[in-house]
Amino acid sequence: MAGAVFLAGLSAMFLFCGYEFIRSPAESIFMDQFGAEYKPYAIACVPFMMAAMIYGYGRMLSAVGAKKAMVVSMLGSAAFFVLAWAMLGSAGRWFAFFLLV
């Protein structure tokens, strides 16, 4: 039981730290690409993006199961971050937008 609680706490720590490690640089990149005046518009898109992502993840859970859905979502997120980093110079505006949202 203690091991499971420890692993759950460790998982939560990685979740919170990962969020902070992505969110702060994403805001800086967004401000550089769009400017501060467009940030409220981007933040207004967050609930819609979250709803779409939750819906898609739920459909994926039903279709392939929990383990495969987790693997696909983790690999997809990692691929998006690598692609956003690689394309930031040429298509940076929209990747910066989706990193923030």
N, C-alpha and C. Protein backbone atom coordinates (compact mmCIF):
# COMPACT_ATOMS: atom_id res chain seq x y z
N MET A 1 0.82 -1.19 0.00
CA MET A 1 0.00 0.00 0.00
C MET A 1 0.87 1.26 0.00
N ALA A 2 1.92 1.27 0.81
CA ALA A 2 2.80 2.43 0.89
C ALA A 2 3.50 2.66 -0.45
N GLY A 3 3.85 1.58 -1.12
CA GLY A 3 4.50 1.71 -2.43
C GLY A 3 3.59 2.36 -3.46
N ALA A 4 2.32 1.99 -3.42
CA ALA A 4 1.36 2.59 -4.36
C ALA A 4 1.16 4.07 -4.07
N VAL A 5 1.11 4.43 -2.79
CA VAL A 5 0.96 5.84 -2.42
C VAL A 5 2.19 6.63 -2.85
N PHE A 6 3.36 6.05 -2.66
CA PHE A 6 4.60 6.71 -3.08
C PHE A 6 4.61 6.92 -4.59
N LEU A 7 4.24 5.89 -5.36
CA LEU A 7 4.23 6.02 -6.82
C LEU A 7 3.19 7.04 -7.29
N ALA A 8 2.04 7.10 -6.61
CA ALA A 8 1.03 8.10 -6.96
C ALA A 8 1.56 9.51 -6.69
N GLY A 9 2.25 9.69 -5.57
CA GLY A 9 2.84 10.99 -5.26
C GLY A 9 3.93 11.36 -6.24
N LEU A 10 4.74 10.39 -6.63
CA LEU A 10 5.79 10.62 -7.61
C LEU A 10 5.18 11.00 -8.97
N SER A 11 4.12 10.33 -9.33
CA SER A 11 3.44 10.65 -10.58
C SER A 11 2.88 12.07 -10.55
N ALA A 12 2.28 12.46 -9.45
CA ALA A 12 1.75 13.82 -9.32
C ALA A 12 2.86 14.85 -9.39
N MET A 13 4.00 14.54 -8.77
CA MET A 13 5.13 15.46 -8.82
C MET A 13 5.61 15.67 -10.26
N PHE A 14 5.73 14.59 -11.03
CA PHE A 14 6.15 14.72 -12.42
C PHE A 14 5.12 15.50 -13.24
N LEU A 15 3.85 15.29 -12.95
CA LEU A 15 2.80 16.01 -13.66
C LEU A 15 2.91 17.51 -13.41
N PHE A 16 3.01 17.90 -12.16
CA PHE A 16 3.09 19.33 -11.83
C PHE A 16 4.38 19.96 -12.33
N CYS A 17 5.49 19.27 -12.17
CA CYS A 17 6.77 19.81 -12.65
C CYS A 17 6.79 19.90 -14.17
N GLY A 18 6.29 18.88 -14.83
CA GLY A 18 6.24 18.90 -16.29
C GLY A 18 5.40 20.05 -16.81
N TYR A 19 4.28 20.30 -16.14
CA TYR A 19 3.43 21.43 -16.53
C TYR A 19 4.18 22.74 -16.41
N GLU A 20 4.88 22.94 -15.32
CA GLU A 20 5.61 24.19 -15.12
C GLU A 20 6.79 24.32 -16.07
N PHE A 21 7.44 23.20 -16.38
CA PHE A 21 8.58 23.25 -17.30
C PHE A 21 8.14 23.59 -18.73
N ILE A 22 6.92 23.27 -19.09
CA ILE A 22 6.42 23.57 -20.43
C ILE A 22 5.72 24.93 -20.46
N ARG A 23 4.93 25.23 -19.44
CA ARG A 23 4.09 26.43 -19.47
C ARG A 23 4.90 27.73 -19.50
N SER A 24 5.91 27.86 -18.67
CA SER A 24 6.68 29.10 -18.62
C SER A 24 7.40 29.40 -19.95
N PRO A 25 8.13 28.44 -20.52
CA PRO A 25 8.74 28.74 -21.83
C PRO A 25 7.70 28.95 -22.93
N ALA A 26 6.58 28.25 -22.86
CA ALA A 26 5.54 28.41 -23.89
C ALA A 26 4.98 29.83 -23.85
N GLU A 27 4.81 30.39 -22.67
CA GLU A 27 4.33 31.77 -22.57
C GLU A 27 5.34 32.74 -23.16
N SER A 28 6.60 32.55 -22.88
CA SER A 28 7.64 33.42 -23.43
C SER A 28 7.69 33.34 -24.95
N ILE A 29 7.60 32.12 -25.47
CA ILE A 29 7.61 31.93 -26.93
C ILE A 29 6.38 32.57 -27.56
N PHE A 30 5.22 32.39 -26.92
CA PHE A 30 4.00 33.00 -27.43
C PHE A 30 4.11 34.52 -27.45
N MET A 31 4.60 35.10 -26.37
CA MET A 31 4.75 36.57 -26.30
C MET A 31 5.70 37.07 -27.37
N ASP A 32 6.74 36.32 -27.64
CA ASP A 32 7.69 36.72 -28.67
C ASP A 32 7.05 36.67 -30.06
N GLN A 33 6.23 35.66 -30.32
CA GLN A 33 5.63 35.48 -31.64
C GLN A 33 4.42 36.38 -31.88
N PHE A 34 3.57 36.55 -30.85
CA PHE A 34 2.31 37.27 -31.03
C PHE A 34 2.24 38.60 -30.29
N GLY A 35 2.87 38.68 -29.14
CA GLY A 35 2.76 39.87 -28.30
C GLY A 35 1.72 39.67 -27.21
N ALA A 36 1.80 40.50 -26.18
CA ALA A 36 0.93 40.35 -25.02
C ALA A 36 -0.53 40.63 -25.34
N GLU A 37 -0.80 41.43 -26.35
CA GLU A 37 -2.20 41.79 -26.63
C GLU A 37 -3.03 40.62 -27.14
N TYR A 38 -2.40 39.56 -27.63
CA TYR A 38 -3.14 38.40 -28.12
C TYR A 38 -3.27 37.28 -27.10
N LYS A 39 -2.64 37.42 -25.96
CA LYS A 39 -2.69 36.36 -24.96
C LYS A 39 -4.11 36.07 -24.46
N PRO A 40 -4.94 37.09 -24.19
CA PRO A 40 -6.31 36.77 -23.76
C PRO A 40 -7.10 35.93 -24.76
N TYR A 41 -6.85 36.14 -26.05
CA TYR A 41 -7.53 35.35 -27.07
C TYR A 41 -7.07 33.89 -27.03
N ALA A 42 -5.79 33.71 -26.84
CA ALA A 42 -5.25 32.35 -26.76
C ALA A 42 -5.76 31.64 -25.51
N ILE A 43 -5.76 32.33 -24.38
CA ILE A 43 -6.25 31.73 -23.14
C ILE A 43 -7.74 31.40 -23.24
N ALA A 44 -8.47 32.20 -23.99
CA ALA A 44 -9.90 31.92 -24.19
C ALA A 44 -10.12 30.63 -24.98
N CYS A 45 -9.12 30.21 -25.76
CA CYS A 45 -9.23 28.97 -26.53
C CYS A 45 -8.93 27.72 -25.70
N VAL A 46 -8.34 27.89 -24.54
CA VAL A 46 -7.93 26.74 -23.72
C VAL A 46 -9.09 25.80 -23.39
N PRO A 47 -10.25 26.30 -22.90
CA PRO A 47 -11.33 25.35 -22.58
C PRO A 47 -11.79 24.53 -23.78
N PHE A 48 -11.82 25.13 -24.95
CA PHE A 48 -12.24 24.40 -26.14
C PHE A 48 -11.22 23.35 -26.54
N MET A 49 -9.94 23.69 -26.43
CA MET A 49 -8.88 22.73 -26.73
C MET A 49 -8.90 21.58 -25.72
N MET A 50 -9.09 21.90 -24.45
CA MET A 50 -9.15 20.86 -23.42
C MET A 50 -10.34 19.94 -23.65
N ALA A 51 -11.49 20.51 -24.00
CA ALA A 51 -12.67 19.68 -24.28
C ALA A 51 -12.41 18.74 -25.45
N ALA A 52 -11.78 19.25 -26.49
CA ALA A 52 -11.47 18.40 -27.65
C ALA A 52 -10.48 17.31 -27.28
N MET A 53 -9.47 17.65 -26.49
CA MET A 53 -8.48 16.65 -26.09
C MET A 53 -9.08 15.60 -25.17
N ILE A 54 -9.93 16.00 -24.24
CA ILE A 54 -10.57 15.05 -23.34
C ILE A 54 -11.50 14.12 -24.13
N TYR A 55 -12.24 14.68 -25.07
CA TYR A 55 -13.11 13.87 -25.90
C TYR A 55 -12.30 12.85 -26.71
N GLY A 56 -11.23 13.34 -27.34
CA GLY A 56 -10.39 12.44 -28.14
C GLY A 56 -9.73 11.35 -27.30
N TYR A 57 -9.29 11.71 -26.11
CA TYR A 57 -8.67 10.71 -25.24
C TYR A 57 -9.71 9.69 -24.78
N GLY A 58 -10.92 10.15 -24.49
CA GLY A 58 -11.99 9.22 -24.12
C GLY A 58 -12.32 8.25 -25.23
N ARG A 59 -12.37 8.75 -26.46
CA ARG A 59 -12.62 7.86 -27.60
C ARG A 59 -11.48 6.86 -27.77
N MET A 60 -10.25 7.33 -27.57
CA MET A 60 -9.10 6.45 -27.69
C MET A 60 -9.12 5.39 -26.59
N LEU A 61 -9.51 5.78 -25.38
CA LEU A 61 -9.62 4.80 -24.29
C LEU A 61 -10.61 3.70 -24.64
N SER A 62 -11.74 4.08 -25.19
CA SER A 62 -12.75 3.10 -25.57
C SER A 62 -12.27 2.20 -26.70
N ALA A 63 -11.51 2.76 -27.61
CA ALA A 63 -11.09 2.00 -28.79
C ALA A 63 -9.93 1.06 -28.52
N VAL A 64 -8.91 1.51 -27.80
CA VAL A 64 -7.69 0.70 -27.68
C VAL A 64 -7.34 0.30 -26.26
N GLY A 65 -8.02 0.83 -25.26
CA GLY A 65 -7.72 0.49 -23.88
C GLY A 65 -6.77 1.49 -23.24
N ALA A 66 -6.65 1.35 -21.93
CA ALA A 66 -5.92 2.35 -21.14
C ALA A 66 -4.42 2.39 -21.44
N LYS A 67 -3.79 1.22 -21.51
CA LYS A 67 -2.33 1.20 -21.70
C LYS A 67 -1.93 1.77 -23.05
N LYS A 68 -2.60 1.34 -24.10
CA LYS A 68 -2.26 1.84 -25.43
C LYS A 68 -2.62 3.31 -25.57
N ALA A 69 -3.72 3.73 -24.96
CA ALA A 69 -4.09 5.15 -25.03
C ALA A 69 -3.05 6.01 -24.33
N MET A 70 -2.53 5.55 -23.22
CA MET A 70 -1.49 6.30 -22.51
C MET A 70 -0.22 6.39 -23.35
N VAL A 71 0.17 5.28 -23.96
CA VAL A 71 1.37 5.27 -24.79
C VAL A 71 1.20 6.21 -25.99
N VAL A 72 0.05 6.13 -26.65
CA VAL A 72 -0.19 6.98 -27.82
C VAL A 72 -0.20 8.44 -27.43
N SER A 73 -0.83 8.77 -26.31
CA SER A 73 -0.90 10.18 -25.90
C SER A 73 0.49 10.70 -25.49
N MET A 74 1.26 9.90 -24.80
CA MET A 74 2.60 10.33 -24.39
C MET A 74 3.52 10.50 -25.60
N LEU A 75 3.50 9.53 -26.51
CA LEU A 75 4.34 9.63 -27.71
C LEU A 75 3.87 10.76 -28.61
N GLY A 76 2.56 10.95 -28.71
CA GLY A 76 2.04 12.06 -29.50
C GLY A 76 2.44 13.41 -28.94
N SER A 77 2.38 13.55 -27.63
CA SER A 77 2.81 14.80 -27.00
C SER A 77 4.29 15.04 -27.22
N ALA A 78 5.09 14.02 -27.03
CA ALA A 78 6.53 14.16 -27.24
C ALA A 78 6.84 14.52 -28.68
N ALA A 79 6.16 13.87 -29.63
CA ALA A 79 6.37 14.18 -31.05
C ALA A 79 5.96 15.62 -31.35
N PHE A 80 4.87 16.09 -30.76
CA PHE A 80 4.45 17.47 -30.99
C PHE A 80 5.48 18.45 -30.46
N PHE A 81 6.02 18.20 -29.27
CA PHE A 81 7.01 19.11 -28.71
C PHE A 81 8.28 19.14 -29.55
N VAL A 82 8.71 18.00 -30.04
CA VAL A 82 9.90 17.95 -30.90
C VAL A 82 9.62 18.67 -32.22
N LEU A 83 8.45 18.43 -32.80
CA LEU A 83 8.08 19.11 -34.04
C LEU A 83 7.97 20.62 -33.84
N ALA A 84 7.37 21.04 -32.74
CA ALA A 84 7.24 22.47 -32.45
C ALA A 84 8.62 23.11 -32.29
N TRP A 85 9.50 22.42 -31.61
CA TRP A 85 10.86 22.94 -31.43
C TRP A 85 11.58 23.04 -32.78
N ALA A 86 11.44 22.02 -33.62
CA ALA A 86 12.13 22.00 -34.90
C ALA A 86 11.57 23.03 -35.87
N MET A 87 10.26 23.27 -35.82
CA MET A 87 9.61 24.16 -36.77
C MET A 87 9.41 25.58 -36.25
N LEU A 88 9.92 25.88 -35.08
CA LEU A 88 9.67 27.18 -34.46
C LEU A 88 10.16 28.33 -35.32
N GLY A 89 11.23 28.14 -36.04
CA GLY A 89 11.75 29.22 -36.87
C GLY A 89 10.89 29.49 -38.10
N SER A 90 10.35 28.45 -38.74
CA SER A 90 9.62 28.65 -39.98
C SER A 90 8.11 28.77 -39.78
N ALA A 91 7.53 27.93 -38.97
CA ALA A 91 6.09 27.96 -38.72
C ALA A 91 5.81 28.27 -37.26
N GLY A 92 6.66 29.09 -36.67
CA GLY A 92 6.66 29.29 -35.24
C GLY A 92 5.40 29.87 -34.64
N ARG A 93 4.72 30.74 -35.39
CA ARG A 93 3.55 31.40 -34.80
C ARG A 93 2.49 30.39 -34.36
N TRP A 94 2.17 29.45 -35.21
CA TRP A 94 1.07 28.53 -34.86
C TRP A 94 1.51 27.46 -33.88
N PHE A 95 2.75 27.04 -33.96
CA PHE A 95 3.25 26.11 -32.95
C PHE A 95 3.31 26.80 -31.59
N ALA A 96 3.68 28.07 -31.58
CA ALA A 96 3.70 28.83 -30.32
C ALA A 96 2.29 28.94 -29.75
N PHE A 97 1.31 29.14 -30.62
CA PHE A 97 -0.07 29.22 -30.17
C PHE A 97 -0.52 27.90 -29.54
N PHE A 98 -0.26 26.80 -30.22
CA PHE A 98 -0.70 25.50 -29.69
C PHE A 98 0.10 25.06 -28.47
N LEU A 99 1.34 25.50 -28.34
CA LEU A 99 2.08 25.22 -27.12
C LEU A 99 1.43 25.91 -25.93
N LEU A 100 0.96 27.14 -26.12
CA LEU A 100 0.32 27.86 -25.03
C LEU A 100 -1.04 27.29 -24.71
N VAL A 101 -1.78 26.95 -25.74
CA VAL A 101 -3.14 26.45 -25.54
C VAL A 101 -3.08 24.99 -25.16
